[in-house]
N, C-alpha and C. Protein backbone atom coordinates (compact mmCIF):
# COMPACT_ATOMS: atom_id res chain seq x y z
N MET A 1 104.59 115.69 113.13
CA MET A 1 104.07 114.33 113.05
C MET A 1 104.97 113.37 113.82
N ALA A 2 104.38 112.27 114.28
CA ALA A 2 105.15 111.27 115.01
C ALA A 2 106.17 110.58 114.13
N THR A 3 106.01 110.65 112.82
CA THR A 3 106.93 109.98 111.90
C THR A 3 108.07 110.88 111.43
N ASP A 4 108.14 112.12 111.90
CA ASP A 4 109.14 113.05 111.38
C ASP A 4 110.57 112.59 111.64
N HIS A 5 110.78 111.76 112.64
CA HIS A 5 112.12 111.30 112.97
C HIS A 5 112.57 110.13 112.11
N LEU A 6 111.66 109.55 111.35
CA LEU A 6 111.97 108.36 110.56
C LEU A 6 112.52 108.75 109.19
N PRO A 7 113.43 107.95 108.63
CA PRO A 7 113.85 108.18 107.25
C PRO A 7 112.69 107.91 106.30
N ILE A 8 112.76 108.54 105.12
CA ILE A 8 111.66 108.48 104.16
C ILE A 8 111.94 107.44 103.08
N LEU A 9 110.96 106.59 102.83
CA LEU A 9 110.98 105.67 101.69
C LEU A 9 109.90 106.12 100.71
N ILE A 10 110.30 106.38 99.48
CA ILE A 10 109.35 106.78 98.44
C ILE A 10 108.99 105.57 97.58
N VAL A 11 107.70 105.39 97.36
CA VAL A 11 107.21 104.33 96.49
C VAL A 11 106.46 104.99 95.34
N GLY A 12 107.02 104.90 94.14
CA GLY A 12 106.38 105.47 92.97
C GLY A 12 105.19 104.65 92.51
N ASP A 13 104.67 104.98 91.36
CA ASP A 13 103.48 104.32 90.81
C ASP A 13 103.69 102.81 90.73
N VAL A 14 102.72 102.05 91.25
CA VAL A 14 102.83 100.59 91.22
C VAL A 14 101.55 99.96 90.66
N PRO A 15 100.95 100.50 89.65
CA PRO A 15 99.56 100.19 89.28
C PRO A 15 99.17 98.72 89.37
N GLY A 16 98.52 98.37 90.46
CA GLY A 16 97.91 97.06 90.59
C GLY A 16 98.84 95.90 90.82
N ASP A 17 100.17 96.14 90.87
CA ASP A 17 101.10 95.03 90.98
C ASP A 17 101.52 94.83 92.43
N LEU A 18 100.56 94.45 93.26
CA LEU A 18 100.82 94.25 94.69
C LEU A 18 101.84 93.14 94.92
N GLU A 19 101.79 92.09 94.14
CA GLU A 19 102.71 90.97 94.32
C GLU A 19 104.16 91.42 94.18
N ARG A 20 104.44 92.25 93.20
CA ARG A 20 105.82 92.72 92.99
C ARG A 20 106.23 93.73 94.06
N LEU A 21 105.27 94.38 94.67
CA LEU A 21 105.56 95.42 95.65
C LEU A 21 106.10 94.85 96.96
N LEU A 22 105.66 93.67 97.34
CA LEU A 22 105.95 93.17 98.69
C LEU A 22 107.43 92.91 98.94
N GLU A 23 108.10 92.24 98.03
CA GLU A 23 109.50 91.86 98.27
C GLU A 23 110.44 93.05 98.43
N PRO A 24 110.38 94.07 97.56
CA PRO A 24 111.33 95.19 97.73
C PRO A 24 111.09 96.03 98.98
N LEU A 25 109.92 95.88 99.62
CA LEU A 25 109.68 96.61 100.86
C LEU A 25 110.22 95.89 102.10
N GLU A 26 110.60 94.64 101.95
CA GLU A 26 111.08 93.87 103.11
C GLU A 26 112.28 94.52 103.80
N PRO A 27 113.23 95.12 103.08
CA PRO A 27 114.37 95.74 103.78
C PRO A 27 114.00 97.04 104.52
N TYR A 28 112.76 97.48 104.38
CA TYR A 28 112.33 98.74 104.97
C TYR A 28 111.15 98.51 105.92
N PRO A 29 111.41 97.96 107.11
CA PRO A 29 110.30 97.66 108.04
C PRO A 29 109.57 98.95 108.41
N PRO A 30 108.24 98.91 108.47
CA PRO A 30 107.46 100.12 108.65
C PRO A 30 107.66 100.81 110.00
N ASP A 31 108.18 100.09 110.97
CA ASP A 31 108.45 100.75 112.25
C ASP A 31 109.74 101.56 112.22
N ARG A 32 110.52 101.41 111.14
CA ARG A 32 111.79 102.13 111.02
C ARG A 32 111.79 103.12 109.87
N TRP A 33 110.75 103.08 109.04
CA TRP A 33 110.69 103.96 107.87
C TRP A 33 109.31 104.60 107.76
N ARG A 34 109.29 105.82 107.32
CA ARG A 34 108.04 106.45 106.91
C ARG A 34 107.91 106.26 105.40
N THR A 35 106.88 105.58 104.98
CA THR A 35 106.68 105.26 103.57
C THR A 35 105.67 106.22 102.95
N ILE A 36 106.02 106.77 101.80
CA ILE A 36 105.10 107.66 101.09
C ILE A 36 104.83 107.07 99.71
N PHE A 37 103.59 106.72 99.45
CA PHE A 37 103.16 106.21 98.15
C PHE A 37 102.71 107.39 97.28
N LEU A 38 103.20 107.46 96.07
CA LEU A 38 102.97 108.62 95.21
C LEU A 38 101.69 108.54 94.38
N GLY A 39 100.81 107.60 94.71
CA GLY A 39 99.56 107.48 93.97
C GLY A 39 99.66 106.51 92.81
N ASP A 40 98.55 106.34 92.09
CA ASP A 40 98.45 105.36 91.01
C ASP A 40 98.81 103.95 91.50
N LEU A 41 98.15 103.56 92.58
CA LEU A 41 98.27 102.18 93.05
C LEU A 41 97.32 101.26 92.30
N VAL A 42 96.37 101.82 91.56
CA VAL A 42 95.34 101.03 90.90
C VAL A 42 95.51 101.08 89.38
N ASP A 43 94.76 100.19 88.72
CA ASP A 43 94.66 100.07 87.25
C ASP A 43 95.85 99.31 86.68
N TYR A 44 95.66 98.80 85.48
CA TYR A 44 96.60 97.96 84.75
C TYR A 44 96.78 96.59 85.41
N GLY A 45 97.27 96.54 86.64
CA GLY A 45 97.47 95.27 87.32
C GLY A 45 96.20 94.73 87.95
N MET A 46 96.28 93.50 88.46
CA MET A 46 95.10 92.79 88.93
C MET A 46 94.74 93.08 90.38
N PHE A 47 95.60 93.77 91.12
CA PHE A 47 95.37 93.90 92.56
C PHE A 47 95.39 95.35 93.02
N GLY A 48 94.64 96.21 92.30
CA GLY A 48 94.61 97.62 92.63
C GLY A 48 94.02 97.91 94.00
N VAL A 49 92.85 97.35 94.27
CA VAL A 49 92.22 97.58 95.58
C VAL A 49 93.08 96.96 96.68
N GLY A 50 93.68 95.82 96.40
CA GLY A 50 94.59 95.23 97.37
C GLY A 50 95.78 96.14 97.66
N ALA A 51 96.30 96.81 96.63
CA ALA A 51 97.40 97.74 96.84
C ALA A 51 96.95 98.94 97.67
N LEU A 52 95.73 99.41 97.44
CA LEU A 52 95.20 100.50 98.26
C LEU A 52 95.10 100.09 99.72
N ARG A 53 94.58 98.92 99.96
CA ARG A 53 94.45 98.45 101.35
C ARG A 53 95.82 98.28 102.00
N PHE A 54 96.77 97.79 101.23
CA PHE A 54 98.12 97.62 101.76
C PHE A 54 98.71 98.97 102.15
N ALA A 55 98.59 99.96 101.28
CA ALA A 55 99.12 101.29 101.58
C ALA A 55 98.42 101.92 102.77
N ARG A 56 97.11 101.76 102.83
CA ARG A 56 96.35 102.31 103.95
C ARG A 56 96.77 101.68 105.28
N ASP A 57 96.99 100.38 105.27
CA ASP A 57 97.22 99.65 106.52
C ASP A 57 98.67 99.58 106.93
N ARG A 58 99.58 99.93 106.06
CA ARG A 58 101.00 99.89 106.42
C ARG A 58 101.29 100.99 107.44
N PRO A 59 101.83 100.66 108.59
CA PRO A 59 102.10 101.69 109.60
C PRO A 59 103.07 102.76 109.10
N ASN A 60 102.91 103.96 109.63
CA ASN A 60 103.80 105.07 109.32
C ASN A 60 103.88 105.37 107.82
N SER A 61 102.73 105.32 107.18
CA SER A 61 102.68 105.52 105.73
C SER A 61 101.69 106.62 105.36
N ASP A 62 101.96 107.25 104.23
CA ASP A 62 101.07 108.24 103.63
C ASP A 62 100.86 107.87 102.17
N THR A 63 99.72 108.24 101.64
CA THR A 63 99.42 107.98 100.23
C THR A 63 98.92 109.25 99.57
N ILE A 64 99.54 109.61 98.45
CA ILE A 64 99.14 110.76 97.65
C ILE A 64 98.06 110.32 96.65
N LEU A 65 97.15 111.21 96.36
CA LEU A 65 96.12 110.93 95.36
C LEU A 65 96.72 111.01 93.96
N GLY A 66 96.52 109.94 93.17
CA GLY A 66 96.98 109.92 91.79
C GLY A 66 95.81 110.02 90.82
N ASN A 67 96.11 110.23 89.56
CA ASN A 67 95.05 110.39 88.57
C ASN A 67 94.24 109.10 88.39
N HIS A 68 94.87 107.94 88.60
CA HIS A 68 94.12 106.69 88.44
C HIS A 68 93.19 106.43 89.62
N GLU A 69 93.53 106.91 90.80
CA GLU A 69 92.57 106.86 91.90
C GLU A 69 91.38 107.75 91.61
N VAL A 70 91.65 108.92 91.02
CA VAL A 70 90.56 109.81 90.63
C VAL A 70 89.65 109.14 89.59
N ALA A 71 90.26 108.47 88.61
CA ALA A 71 89.48 107.80 87.58
C ALA A 71 88.61 106.68 88.17
N LEU A 72 89.16 105.95 89.12
CA LEU A 72 88.40 104.88 89.77
C LEU A 72 87.21 105.45 90.55
N LEU A 73 87.44 106.50 91.31
CA LEU A 73 86.35 107.13 92.05
C LEU A 73 85.30 107.70 91.10
N TRP A 74 85.72 108.23 89.99
CA TRP A 74 84.81 108.80 88.99
C TRP A 74 83.91 107.71 88.42
N ALA A 75 84.51 106.58 88.06
CA ALA A 75 83.74 105.47 87.51
C ALA A 75 82.78 104.90 88.55
N LEU A 76 83.21 104.91 89.79
CA LEU A 76 82.35 104.40 90.86
C LEU A 76 81.12 105.30 91.04
N ARG A 77 81.32 106.59 90.95
CA ARG A 77 80.21 107.53 91.12
C ARG A 77 79.32 107.60 89.90
N ASP A 78 79.93 107.54 88.71
CA ASP A 78 79.20 107.75 87.46
C ASP A 78 79.41 106.56 86.53
N PRO A 79 78.47 105.62 86.46
CA PRO A 79 78.64 104.43 85.63
C PRO A 79 78.89 104.74 84.15
N SER A 80 78.50 105.91 83.68
CA SER A 80 78.76 106.25 82.28
C SER A 80 80.25 106.41 82.00
N ARG A 81 81.07 106.54 83.05
CA ARG A 81 82.51 106.68 82.89
C ARG A 81 83.26 105.35 82.93
N ILE A 82 82.56 104.25 83.14
CA ILE A 82 83.24 102.96 83.32
C ILE A 82 84.01 102.55 82.07
N GLY A 83 83.41 102.71 80.91
CA GLY A 83 84.09 102.33 79.68
C GLY A 83 85.38 103.12 79.47
N TRP A 84 85.31 104.42 79.72
CA TRP A 84 86.50 105.26 79.61
C TRP A 84 87.56 104.83 80.62
N TRP A 85 87.12 104.58 81.85
CA TRP A 85 88.07 104.16 82.90
C TRP A 85 88.76 102.85 82.51
N ILE A 86 88.02 101.89 81.98
CA ILE A 86 88.63 100.63 81.55
C ILE A 86 89.65 100.90 80.44
N SER A 87 89.38 101.88 79.59
CA SER A 87 90.31 102.19 78.49
C SER A 87 91.63 102.77 78.98
N VAL A 88 91.66 103.29 80.22
CA VAL A 88 92.91 103.81 80.78
C VAL A 88 93.49 102.85 81.82
N GLY A 89 93.09 101.59 81.75
CA GLY A 89 93.69 100.57 82.59
C GLY A 89 92.83 100.03 83.70
N GLY A 90 91.61 100.53 83.84
CA GLY A 90 90.74 100.09 84.92
C GLY A 90 90.40 98.62 84.87
N GLN A 91 90.29 98.01 86.05
CA GLN A 91 89.95 96.59 86.18
C GLN A 91 88.59 96.48 86.86
N ARG A 92 87.64 95.85 86.18
CA ARG A 92 86.27 95.85 86.67
C ARG A 92 86.14 95.27 88.08
N HIS A 93 86.94 94.26 88.41
CA HIS A 93 86.83 93.67 89.74
C HIS A 93 87.23 94.67 90.83
N ASP A 94 88.14 95.61 90.50
CA ASP A 94 88.50 96.65 91.47
C ASP A 94 87.32 97.57 91.74
N LEU A 95 86.59 97.90 90.70
CA LEU A 95 85.41 98.75 90.87
C LEU A 95 84.37 98.05 91.75
N ASP A 96 84.15 96.79 91.47
CA ASP A 96 83.17 96.03 92.25
C ASP A 96 83.61 95.89 93.71
N GLU A 97 84.90 95.69 93.91
CA GLU A 97 85.42 95.53 95.27
C GLU A 97 85.33 96.84 96.05
N LEU A 98 85.70 97.94 95.41
CA LEU A 98 85.63 99.24 96.09
C LEU A 98 84.19 99.61 96.42
N ALA A 99 83.26 99.25 95.55
CA ALA A 99 81.84 99.55 95.79
C ALA A 99 81.33 98.89 97.07
N LYS A 100 81.96 97.79 97.48
CA LYS A 100 81.53 97.08 98.69
C LYS A 100 82.28 97.55 99.93
N ASP A 101 83.35 98.30 99.74
CA ASP A 101 84.22 98.68 100.85
C ASP A 101 84.11 100.19 101.08
N HIS A 102 83.10 100.61 101.80
CA HIS A 102 82.84 102.04 101.98
C HIS A 102 83.92 102.71 102.82
N ALA A 103 84.51 101.98 103.74
CA ALA A 103 85.58 102.56 104.55
C ALA A 103 86.80 102.89 103.68
N LEU A 104 87.13 102.00 102.75
CA LEU A 104 88.25 102.25 101.86
C LEU A 104 87.94 103.41 100.92
N GLU A 105 86.71 103.46 100.43
CA GLU A 105 86.31 104.57 99.56
C GLU A 105 86.44 105.91 100.30
N ASP A 106 85.96 105.97 101.53
CA ASP A 106 86.06 107.20 102.31
C ASP A 106 87.52 107.59 102.52
N TRP A 107 88.35 106.60 102.84
CA TRP A 107 89.78 106.87 103.02
C TRP A 107 90.37 107.44 101.75
N LEU A 108 90.01 106.86 100.61
CA LEU A 108 90.58 107.28 99.33
C LEU A 108 90.19 108.71 98.99
N THR A 109 88.96 109.09 99.28
CA THR A 109 88.51 110.45 98.95
C THR A 109 89.19 111.50 99.82
N GLN A 110 89.83 111.08 100.90
CA GLN A 110 90.50 112.02 101.80
C GLN A 110 92.01 112.10 101.57
N ARG A 111 92.50 111.44 100.54
CA ARG A 111 93.94 111.47 100.31
C ARG A 111 94.40 112.86 99.88
N PRO A 112 95.55 113.31 100.38
CA PRO A 112 96.05 114.62 99.98
C PRO A 112 96.64 114.61 98.58
N ALA A 113 96.71 115.78 97.98
CA ALA A 113 97.39 115.93 96.70
C ALA A 113 98.87 116.22 96.89
N LEU A 114 99.22 116.83 98.03
CA LEU A 114 100.60 117.21 98.31
C LEU A 114 100.94 116.87 99.76
N ILE A 115 102.21 116.57 100.00
CA ILE A 115 102.74 116.46 101.36
C ILE A 115 104.02 117.28 101.41
N LYS A 116 104.14 118.11 102.40
CA LYS A 116 105.35 118.91 102.60
C LYS A 116 106.15 118.30 103.75
N LEU A 117 107.38 117.92 103.48
CA LEU A 117 108.24 117.30 104.48
C LEU A 117 108.99 118.36 105.28
N GLU A 118 109.53 117.94 106.41
CA GLU A 118 110.21 118.85 107.32
C GLU A 118 111.39 119.56 106.67
N ASP A 119 112.07 118.90 105.75
CA ASP A 119 113.27 119.49 105.14
C ASP A 119 112.94 120.38 103.94
N GLY A 120 111.65 120.62 103.69
CA GLY A 120 111.26 121.47 102.57
C GLY A 120 111.00 120.73 101.28
N THR A 121 110.97 119.41 101.33
CA THR A 121 110.65 118.61 100.14
C THR A 121 109.14 118.58 99.94
N LEU A 122 108.71 118.83 98.72
CA LEU A 122 107.30 118.75 98.36
C LEU A 122 107.06 117.44 97.62
N VAL A 123 106.09 116.66 98.08
CA VAL A 123 105.79 115.37 97.47
C VAL A 123 104.43 115.47 96.79
N GLN A 124 104.36 115.10 95.51
CA GLN A 124 103.12 115.19 94.75
C GLN A 124 103.10 114.08 93.71
N HIS A 125 101.96 113.94 93.02
CA HIS A 125 101.84 112.81 92.10
C HIS A 125 102.57 113.03 90.78
N CYS A 126 102.37 114.15 90.14
CA CYS A 126 102.96 114.35 88.81
C CYS A 126 103.92 115.54 88.83
N GLY A 127 104.86 115.53 87.89
CA GLY A 127 105.87 116.58 87.81
C GLY A 127 105.36 117.77 87.04
N HIS A 128 104.39 118.42 87.59
CA HIS A 128 103.70 119.51 86.89
C HIS A 128 103.23 120.52 87.93
N ASP A 129 103.04 121.76 87.48
CA ASP A 129 102.63 122.84 88.38
C ASP A 129 101.16 123.20 88.26
N GLY A 130 100.37 122.32 87.65
CA GLY A 130 98.95 122.60 87.50
C GLY A 130 98.21 122.74 88.82
N TYR A 131 98.80 122.23 89.89
CA TYR A 131 98.21 122.37 91.22
C TYR A 131 98.08 123.83 91.66
N LYS A 132 98.86 124.72 91.03
CA LYS A 132 98.93 126.10 91.51
C LYS A 132 97.59 126.82 91.45
N GLN A 133 96.68 126.37 90.60
CA GLN A 133 95.36 127.00 90.52
C GLN A 133 94.57 126.81 91.82
N TRP A 134 95.01 125.88 92.68
CA TRP A 134 94.31 125.60 93.93
C TRP A 134 95.03 126.17 95.15
N LEU A 135 96.10 126.92 94.93
CA LEU A 135 96.76 127.58 96.04
C LEU A 135 95.81 128.58 96.70
N PRO A 136 95.92 128.82 98.03
CA PRO A 136 96.93 128.27 98.93
C PRO A 136 96.51 126.97 99.61
N GLU A 137 95.24 126.60 99.53
CA GLU A 137 94.73 125.41 100.25
C GLU A 137 94.52 124.26 99.27
N ILE A 138 95.61 123.72 98.74
CA ILE A 138 95.51 122.73 97.68
C ILE A 138 94.81 121.47 98.15
N ASN A 139 95.24 120.91 99.26
CA ASN A 139 94.64 119.65 99.73
C ASN A 139 93.17 119.81 100.07
N THR A 140 92.81 120.90 100.73
CA THR A 140 91.41 121.15 101.05
C THR A 140 90.57 121.28 99.79
N THR A 141 91.13 121.96 98.79
CA THR A 141 90.40 122.15 97.53
C THR A 141 90.21 120.83 96.79
N VAL A 142 91.23 119.99 96.79
CA VAL A 142 91.13 118.69 96.11
C VAL A 142 90.05 117.83 96.75
N THR A 143 90.02 117.79 98.07
CA THR A 143 88.98 117.02 98.75
C THR A 143 87.59 117.56 98.41
N ARG A 144 87.47 118.87 98.34
CA ARG A 144 86.18 119.47 98.01
C ARG A 144 85.77 119.16 96.56
N LEU A 145 86.74 119.16 95.65
CA LEU A 145 86.42 118.85 94.25
C LEU A 145 85.87 117.43 94.11
N ILE A 146 86.43 116.49 94.86
CA ILE A 146 85.89 115.13 94.84
C ILE A 146 84.46 115.13 95.36
N LYS A 147 84.23 115.81 96.46
CA LYS A 147 82.89 115.87 97.04
C LYS A 147 81.91 116.54 96.09
N ASP A 148 82.38 117.54 95.34
CA ASP A 148 81.51 118.29 94.42
C ASP A 148 81.38 117.64 93.05
N GLU A 149 81.92 116.42 92.90
CA GLU A 149 81.81 115.64 91.66
C GLU A 149 82.49 116.35 90.48
N ARG A 150 83.65 116.91 90.75
CA ARG A 150 84.42 117.59 89.70
C ARG A 150 85.70 116.81 89.42
N GLU A 151 85.52 115.54 89.21
CA GLU A 151 86.66 114.67 88.94
C GLU A 151 87.38 115.06 87.65
N ASP A 152 86.68 115.67 86.71
CA ASP A 152 87.32 116.06 85.46
C ASP A 152 88.44 117.07 85.71
N ASP A 153 88.21 118.03 86.61
CA ASP A 153 89.25 119.01 86.94
C ASP A 153 90.46 118.33 87.57
N LEU A 154 90.21 117.38 88.45
CA LEU A 154 91.31 116.66 89.09
C LEU A 154 92.07 115.83 88.08
N TRP A 155 91.35 115.13 87.21
CA TRP A 155 92.01 114.29 86.21
C TRP A 155 92.94 115.12 85.33
N ASP A 156 92.50 116.28 84.90
CA ASP A 156 93.31 117.12 84.01
C ASP A 156 94.63 117.51 84.66
N VAL A 157 94.59 117.83 85.95
CA VAL A 157 95.82 118.25 86.63
C VAL A 157 96.69 117.06 86.97
N LEU A 158 96.13 116.02 87.54
CA LEU A 158 96.92 114.91 88.04
C LEU A 158 97.45 114.00 86.93
N SER A 159 96.91 114.11 85.73
CA SER A 159 97.40 113.29 84.62
C SER A 159 98.37 114.05 83.71
N ALA A 160 98.75 115.26 84.10
CA ALA A 160 99.68 116.04 83.28
C ALA A 160 101.08 115.42 83.30
N LYS A 161 101.77 115.50 82.18
CA LYS A 161 103.09 114.89 82.06
C LYS A 161 104.15 115.75 82.74
N ASN A 162 105.31 115.15 82.93
CA ASN A 162 106.42 115.81 83.60
C ASN A 162 106.94 116.98 82.77
N VAL A 163 106.83 118.19 83.29
CA VAL A 163 107.41 119.36 82.64
C VAL A 163 108.67 119.84 83.36
N PHE A 164 108.87 119.37 84.58
CA PHE A 164 110.00 119.87 85.35
C PHE A 164 111.34 119.43 84.78
N ALA A 165 111.37 118.32 84.07
CA ALA A 165 112.63 117.82 83.53
C ALA A 165 113.27 118.81 82.56
N ASN A 166 112.44 119.44 81.75
CA ASN A 166 112.96 120.30 80.67
C ASN A 166 112.64 121.78 80.84
N GLN A 167 111.98 122.13 81.94
CA GLN A 167 111.61 123.53 82.16
C GLN A 167 112.06 123.97 83.55
N PRO A 168 113.36 124.21 83.73
CA PRO A 168 113.88 124.55 85.06
C PRO A 168 113.31 125.84 85.64
N LEU A 169 113.00 126.81 84.80
CA LEU A 169 112.42 128.05 85.32
C LEU A 169 111.04 127.78 85.90
N ARG A 170 110.27 126.98 85.21
CA ARG A 170 108.93 126.63 85.69
C ARG A 170 109.03 125.86 87.01
N LEU A 171 110.01 124.98 87.11
CA LEU A 171 110.24 124.26 88.35
C LEU A 171 110.57 125.22 89.48
N GLN A 172 111.47 126.15 89.25
CA GLN A 172 111.85 127.09 90.29
C GLN A 172 110.67 127.96 90.72
N GLN A 173 109.85 128.35 89.77
CA GLN A 173 108.68 129.15 90.12
C GLN A 173 107.70 128.36 90.99
N TRP A 174 107.57 127.06 90.70
CA TRP A 174 106.70 126.22 91.50
C TRP A 174 107.25 126.04 92.92
N LEU A 175 108.54 125.83 93.02
CA LEU A 175 109.15 125.70 94.33
C LEU A 175 108.99 126.99 95.14
N GLN A 176 109.15 128.12 94.48
CA GLN A 176 108.97 129.41 95.17
C GLN A 176 107.52 129.59 95.61
N ALA A 177 106.57 129.22 94.75
CA ALA A 177 105.15 129.40 95.07
C ALA A 177 104.73 128.56 96.26
N THR A 178 105.39 127.41 96.44
CA THR A 178 105.04 126.50 97.55
C THR A 178 106.04 126.57 98.69
N ASN A 179 107.02 127.48 98.57
CA ASN A 179 108.06 127.62 99.60
C ASN A 179 108.74 126.28 99.87
N SER A 180 109.14 125.62 98.78
CA SER A 180 109.77 124.31 98.86
C SER A 180 111.19 124.36 98.32
N ARG A 181 111.97 123.35 98.69
CA ARG A 181 113.37 123.29 98.26
C ARG A 181 113.57 122.28 97.13
N ARG A 182 112.72 121.30 97.03
CA ARG A 182 112.76 120.34 95.93
C ARG A 182 111.39 119.69 95.85
N VAL A 183 111.14 118.99 94.74
CA VAL A 183 109.87 118.30 94.54
C VAL A 183 110.13 116.86 94.12
N VAL A 184 109.35 115.96 94.68
CA VAL A 184 109.43 114.53 94.39
C VAL A 184 108.09 114.10 93.81
N PHE A 185 108.10 113.29 92.76
CA PHE A 185 106.86 112.93 92.07
C PHE A 185 107.04 111.63 91.30
N GLY A 186 105.95 111.17 90.67
CA GLY A 186 105.97 110.00 89.82
C GLY A 186 105.22 110.30 88.53
N HIS A 187 104.35 109.38 88.14
CA HIS A 187 103.36 109.53 87.06
C HIS A 187 103.93 109.36 85.65
N THR A 188 105.03 110.01 85.30
CA THR A 188 105.60 109.91 83.96
C THR A 188 106.80 108.97 83.99
N PRO A 189 106.72 107.78 83.38
CA PRO A 189 107.85 106.83 83.45
C PRO A 189 109.13 107.44 82.90
N HIS A 190 110.24 107.18 83.61
CA HIS A 190 111.51 107.81 83.23
C HIS A 190 112.48 106.88 82.53
N GLY A 191 112.32 105.56 82.67
CA GLY A 191 113.16 104.63 81.93
C GLY A 191 114.59 104.49 82.43
N ARG A 192 114.86 104.90 83.66
CA ARG A 192 116.20 104.80 84.23
C ARG A 192 116.25 103.67 85.26
N PRO A 193 117.45 103.20 85.64
CA PRO A 193 117.53 102.12 86.63
C PRO A 193 117.27 102.59 88.06
N ASN A 194 117.33 103.90 88.28
CA ASN A 194 117.07 104.49 89.59
C ASN A 194 116.21 105.74 89.39
N PRO A 195 115.62 106.26 90.46
CA PRO A 195 114.83 107.49 90.29
C PRO A 195 115.65 108.55 89.55
N GLU A 196 115.01 109.24 88.63
CA GLU A 196 115.72 110.22 87.80
C GLU A 196 115.70 111.59 88.44
N SER A 197 116.89 112.17 88.57
CA SER A 197 117.05 113.47 89.22
C SER A 197 117.31 114.54 88.17
N TYR A 198 116.69 115.70 88.35
CA TYR A 198 116.83 116.81 87.42
C TYR A 198 117.31 118.05 88.16
N HIS A 199 118.08 118.88 87.45
CA HIS A 199 118.44 120.22 87.91
C HIS A 199 119.01 120.20 89.33
N ASP A 200 120.14 119.49 89.45
CA ASP A 200 120.86 119.42 90.72
C ASP A 200 120.00 118.86 91.86
N GLY A 201 119.11 117.95 91.51
CA GLY A 201 118.32 117.27 92.53
C GLY A 201 117.14 118.06 93.05
N THR A 202 116.77 119.15 92.40
CA THR A 202 115.61 119.91 92.84
C THR A 202 114.29 119.29 92.37
N ALA A 203 114.37 118.29 91.52
CA ALA A 203 113.19 117.51 91.11
C ALA A 203 113.64 116.07 90.92
N ILE A 204 112.85 115.11 91.45
CA ILE A 204 113.20 113.69 91.36
C ILE A 204 111.96 112.90 90.97
N ASN A 205 112.09 112.09 89.93
CA ASN A 205 111.00 111.29 89.38
C ASN A 205 111.16 109.83 89.81
N PHE A 206 110.14 109.31 90.52
CA PHE A 206 110.17 107.94 91.03
C PHE A 206 109.26 106.99 90.24
N ASP A 207 108.79 107.38 89.07
CA ASP A 207 107.96 106.45 88.28
C ASP A 207 108.85 105.64 87.36
N GLY A 208 109.18 104.43 87.78
CA GLY A 208 110.02 103.55 86.97
C GLY A 208 109.24 102.51 86.19
N ALA A 209 107.95 102.79 85.89
CA ALA A 209 107.10 101.82 85.17
C ALA A 209 107.13 100.47 85.89
N PHE A 210 106.80 100.50 87.17
CA PHE A 210 106.95 99.36 88.06
C PHE A 210 106.07 98.18 87.70
N SER A 211 104.81 98.41 87.41
CA SER A 211 103.85 97.32 87.21
C SER A 211 104.20 96.48 85.99
N ARG A 212 104.21 95.18 86.19
CA ARG A 212 104.50 94.27 85.08
C ARG A 212 103.38 94.27 84.04
N ASN A 213 102.25 94.84 84.38
CA ASN A 213 101.13 94.90 83.45
C ASN A 213 101.06 96.23 82.70
N HIS A 214 101.97 97.14 83.02
CA HIS A 214 101.96 98.45 82.37
C HIS A 214 102.65 98.36 81.02
N LYS A 215 102.13 99.08 80.05
CA LYS A 215 102.67 99.02 78.69
C LYS A 215 104.12 99.51 78.61
N ASN A 216 104.57 100.33 79.58
CA ASN A 216 105.92 100.86 79.54
C ASN A 216 106.89 100.10 80.44
N HIS A 217 106.47 98.95 80.98
CA HIS A 217 107.26 98.27 82.00
C HIS A 217 108.66 97.86 81.51
N LYS A 218 108.73 97.00 80.52
CA LYS A 218 110.00 96.58 79.90
C LYS A 218 111.06 96.18 80.93
N ARG A 219 110.67 95.30 81.86
CA ARG A 219 111.60 94.76 82.85
C ARG A 219 112.22 95.85 83.73
N SER A 220 111.47 96.81 84.09
CA SER A 220 111.98 97.90 84.92
C SER A 220 112.42 97.39 86.29
N PRO A 221 113.61 97.77 86.76
CA PRO A 221 114.05 97.35 88.10
C PRO A 221 113.23 98.04 89.18
N VAL A 222 113.06 97.37 90.31
CA VAL A 222 112.28 97.97 91.39
C VAL A 222 112.93 99.23 91.91
N ALA A 223 114.26 99.31 91.84
CA ALA A 223 114.98 100.49 92.36
C ALA A 223 114.66 101.75 91.58
N ALA A 224 114.06 101.62 90.40
CA ALA A 224 113.67 102.81 89.64
C ALA A 224 112.45 103.49 90.24
N SER A 225 111.69 102.76 91.08
CA SER A 225 110.45 103.29 91.64
C SER A 225 110.45 103.35 93.17
N ILE A 226 111.23 102.51 93.81
CA ILE A 226 111.21 102.40 95.28
C ILE A 226 112.62 102.65 95.80
N ALA A 227 112.78 103.72 96.57
CA ALA A 227 114.10 104.06 97.07
C ALA A 227 114.00 105.02 98.24
N PRO A 228 114.99 104.98 99.13
CA PRO A 228 115.01 105.97 100.20
C PRO A 228 115.23 107.37 99.62
N LEU A 229 114.67 108.36 100.29
CA LEU A 229 114.86 109.75 99.92
C LEU A 229 115.90 110.36 100.85
N GLN A 230 116.99 110.80 100.25
CA GLN A 230 118.03 111.41 101.07
C GLN A 230 117.57 112.77 101.58
N PRO A 231 117.67 113.01 102.90
CA PRO A 231 117.20 114.28 103.44
C PRO A 231 118.09 115.44 102.98
N LEU A 232 117.48 116.60 102.86
CA LEU A 232 118.23 117.80 102.55
C LEU A 232 118.89 118.33 103.82
N SER A 233 120.07 118.81 103.68
CA SER A 233 120.78 119.35 104.84
C SER A 233 120.37 120.80 105.10
């Protein structure tokens, strides 16, 4: 990729809090950094669709599919799911806005579940190995599941809690299965002032409960969710 020479900036879950996202990104101009958003840009906060557009339009950026993006797409396709989606943080104006923006919807349905970096780092939404059922073509399978209206399967995997923190053997098996050296993820808030590292840095959690509208926020510092990723030697 043309961005392989750039240092990596990881942005953990920022559900709907676009206003808070802008200032901490100022020290990382997009022409000098490759930015990877770990998904869950929507729900809870008021500017979910705005956050999606920002991530899409930011140069040299990638966005991983999160469980809340899956929930939004599910509610958009199936109105019977709207009440459930609202119960997990969905904002009705985001649904209405996405329904009018077909280009954004198409972009969202094509988001990968995983990104493999040059140094062997695997980037995914949640700290879980449930993705393994879709090996070896995980991203292709995820895109097909959205097309086939199987959002329930995606939700189950992408909403799984972090198991890598307390199950090092399971982590190592996942790294071996994907031929990776470490895994970076978000989704499960960690409550630390900086991204939380496990097992000698072979797993790193960037979900610092960033959104001020999230029930777990509790004045979380931005550095808990947004930070450069040190390359592996």
